[in-house]
């Protein structure tokens, strides 16, 4: 499984990389523009990401705009719904605040920071992802 994590906070990237490395190969980037570049490059090479985790409030390109650009690239490459990445939005905002600012609903789930590892593992399991180890 291939996983892309985009978060502009170094500690959050490392934390997510540590959690998700037991699920597959993790690529991390520190902004939305780099996430779009990584995802589009993966589509070009036929090495699709299975899971993408996007921080909502990032520099250069926020998580929603990043997701919009990734979905446009998936459409450009004519990916089927089964080939499209599962996307989890991550934010320090609580769920009520997220509902109030939601501008894009083309993601599969969101989780609030601080991330509780057990809760995150349950969410991943419900989405069909399982640890390799």
Protein backbone atom coordinates (compact mmCIF):
# COMPACT_ATOMS: atom_id res chain seq x y z
CA UNK A 1 0.00 0.00 0.00
CA UNK A 2 1.20 3.51 -0.86
CA UNK A 3 0.38 6.40 1.45
CA UNK A 4 0.87 10.15 1.02
CA UNK A 5 0.88 12.47 4.04
CA UNK A 6 0.77 16.26 3.62
CA UNK A 7 1.15 18.41 6.73
CA UNK A 8 3.12 21.62 7.15
CA UNK A 9 4.06 20.76 10.74
CA UNK A 10 7.17 18.58 10.99
CA UNK A 11 6.13 16.86 14.24
CA UNK A 12 2.71 15.98 12.82
CA UNK A 13 4.28 14.57 9.63
CA UNK A 14 6.67 12.39 11.64
CA UNK A 15 3.85 11.22 13.94
CA UNK A 16 1.64 10.23 10.99
CA UNK A 17 4.57 8.60 9.21
CA UNK A 18 5.28 6.48 12.29
CA UNK A 19 1.63 5.40 12.64
CA UNK A 20 1.10 4.72 8.94
CA UNK A 21 4.41 2.98 8.22
CA UNK A 22 2.92 -0.23 9.63
CA UNK A 23 0.27 -0.02 6.88
CA UNK A 24 2.57 0.54 3.91
CA UNK A 25 5.11 2.81 2.26
CA UNK A 26 4.70 6.42 3.37
CA UNK A 27 5.72 9.54 1.45
CA UNK A 28 5.55 12.82 3.37
CA UNK A 29 5.42 16.39 2.07
CA UNK A 30 5.18 19.71 3.86
CA UNK A 31 2.63 21.57 1.74
CA UNK A 32 -0.35 21.13 -0.54
CA UNK A 33 1.46 21.98 -3.77
CA UNK A 34 3.99 19.23 -3.13
CA UNK A 35 1.15 16.81 -2.37
CA UNK A 36 -0.47 17.56 -5.73
CA UNK A 37 2.88 17.09 -7.47
CA UNK A 38 3.49 13.75 -5.70
CA UNK A 39 -0.02 12.46 -6.42
CA UNK A 40 0.05 13.52 -10.09
CA UNK A 41 3.52 12.06 -10.53
CA UNK A 42 2.32 8.79 -9.03
CA UNK A 43 -0.60 8.74 -11.48
CA UNK A 44 1.76 9.44 -14.37
CA UNK A 45 4.00 6.55 -13.29
CA UNK A 46 1.12 4.17 -12.58
CA UNK A 47 2.14 3.97 -8.90
CA UNK A 48 -1.09 5.27 -7.36
CA UNK A 49 -1.47 6.24 -3.73
CA UNK A 50 -4.05 4.13 -1.91
CA UNK A 51 -4.42 6.57 0.96
CA UNK A 52 -3.80 10.31 1.20
CA UNK A 53 -3.88 12.18 4.50
CA UNK A 54 -4.18 15.96 4.13
CA UNK A 55 -3.90 18.58 6.82
CA UNK A 56 -6.65 21.11 6.19
CA UNK A 57 -4.73 24.23 7.21
CA UNK A 58 -1.46 24.13 5.27
CA UNK A 59 0.74 26.77 3.73
CA UNK A 60 0.89 27.35 -0.01
CA UNK A 61 -2.29 25.37 -0.71
CA UNK A 62 -4.83 24.36 1.92
CA UNK A 63 -6.08 20.79 2.23
CA UNK A 64 -9.36 21.43 0.44
CA UNK A 65 -7.70 23.02 -2.59
CA UNK A 66 -5.09 20.27 -2.56
CA UNK A 67 -7.84 17.64 -2.61
CA UNK A 68 -9.65 19.44 -5.41
CA UNK A 69 -6.46 19.45 -7.53
CA UNK A 70 -5.80 15.76 -6.79
CA UNK A 71 -9.37 14.80 -7.76
CA UNK A 72 -9.01 16.79 -11.00
CA UNK A 73 -5.81 14.88 -11.76
CA UNK A 74 -7.58 11.58 -11.07
CA UNK A 75 -10.27 12.61 -13.55
CA UNK A 76 -7.63 13.62 -16.10
CA UNK A 77 -6.07 10.16 -15.83
CA UNK A 78 -9.56 8.63 -15.99
CA UNK A 79 -9.15 6.67 -12.78
CA UNK A 80 -12.10 4.52 -11.80
CA UNK A 81 -13.70 4.97 -8.39
CA UNK A 82 -11.77 1.90 -7.20
CA UNK A 83 -8.46 3.43 -8.33
CA UNK A 84 -9.03 6.83 -6.71
CA UNK A 85 -7.19 7.46 -3.45
CA UNK A 86 -9.01 7.25 -0.17
CA UNK A 87 -8.58 10.67 1.44
CA UNK A 88 -8.60 11.50 5.13
CA UNK A 89 -8.66 15.17 6.03
CA UNK A 90 -6.89 16.05 9.28
CA UNK A 91 -7.37 19.21 11.30
CA UNK A 92 -6.80 20.81 14.66
CA UNK A 93 -10.37 22.11 14.36
CA UNK A 94 -13.05 20.06 16.04
CA UNK A 95 -15.77 18.35 14.00
CA UNK A 96 -18.34 21.12 14.60
CA UNK A 97 -15.93 23.77 13.30
CA UNK A 98 -15.07 21.57 10.31
CA UNK A 99 -18.75 21.17 9.43
CA UNK A 100 -19.13 24.94 9.50
CA UNK A 101 -16.19 25.63 7.15
CA UNK A 102 -16.50 22.60 4.91
CA UNK A 103 -15.99 23.71 1.31
CA UNK A 104 -15.28 20.34 -0.23
CA UNK A 105 -16.89 17.01 0.53
CA UNK A 106 -14.90 14.85 -1.84
CA UNK A 107 -12.98 13.15 0.97
CA UNK A 108 -13.71 9.88 2.72
CA UNK A 109 -13.24 10.85 6.36
CA UNK A 110 -11.73 13.40 8.66
CA UNK A 111 -10.05 13.13 11.98
CA UNK A 112 -9.27 15.82 14.51
CA UNK A 113 -5.92 16.53 16.15
CA UNK A 114 -4.59 15.45 18.47
CA UNK A 115 -4.86 12.09 16.77
CA UNK A 116 -5.62 9.18 19.05
CA UNK A 117 -3.76 6.24 17.55
CA UNK A 118 -6.36 3.63 18.50
CA UNK A 119 -9.19 5.70 17.02
CA UNK A 120 -7.16 6.26 13.84
CA UNK A 121 -6.45 2.51 13.55
CA UNK A 122 -10.18 1.76 13.90
CA UNK A 123 -10.99 4.29 11.17
CA UNK A 124 -8.38 2.78 8.85
CA UNK A 125 -9.73 -0.71 9.52
CA UNK A 126 -13.28 0.40 8.65
CA UNK A 127 -11.88 1.76 5.38
CA UNK A 128 -10.36 -1.63 4.58
CA UNK A 129 -6.73 -0.86 5.45
CA UNK A 130 -4.84 -3.31 7.64
CA UNK A 131 -1.41 -3.29 9.22
CA UNK A 132 1.27 -5.28 7.43
CA UNK A 133 3.01 -6.24 10.67
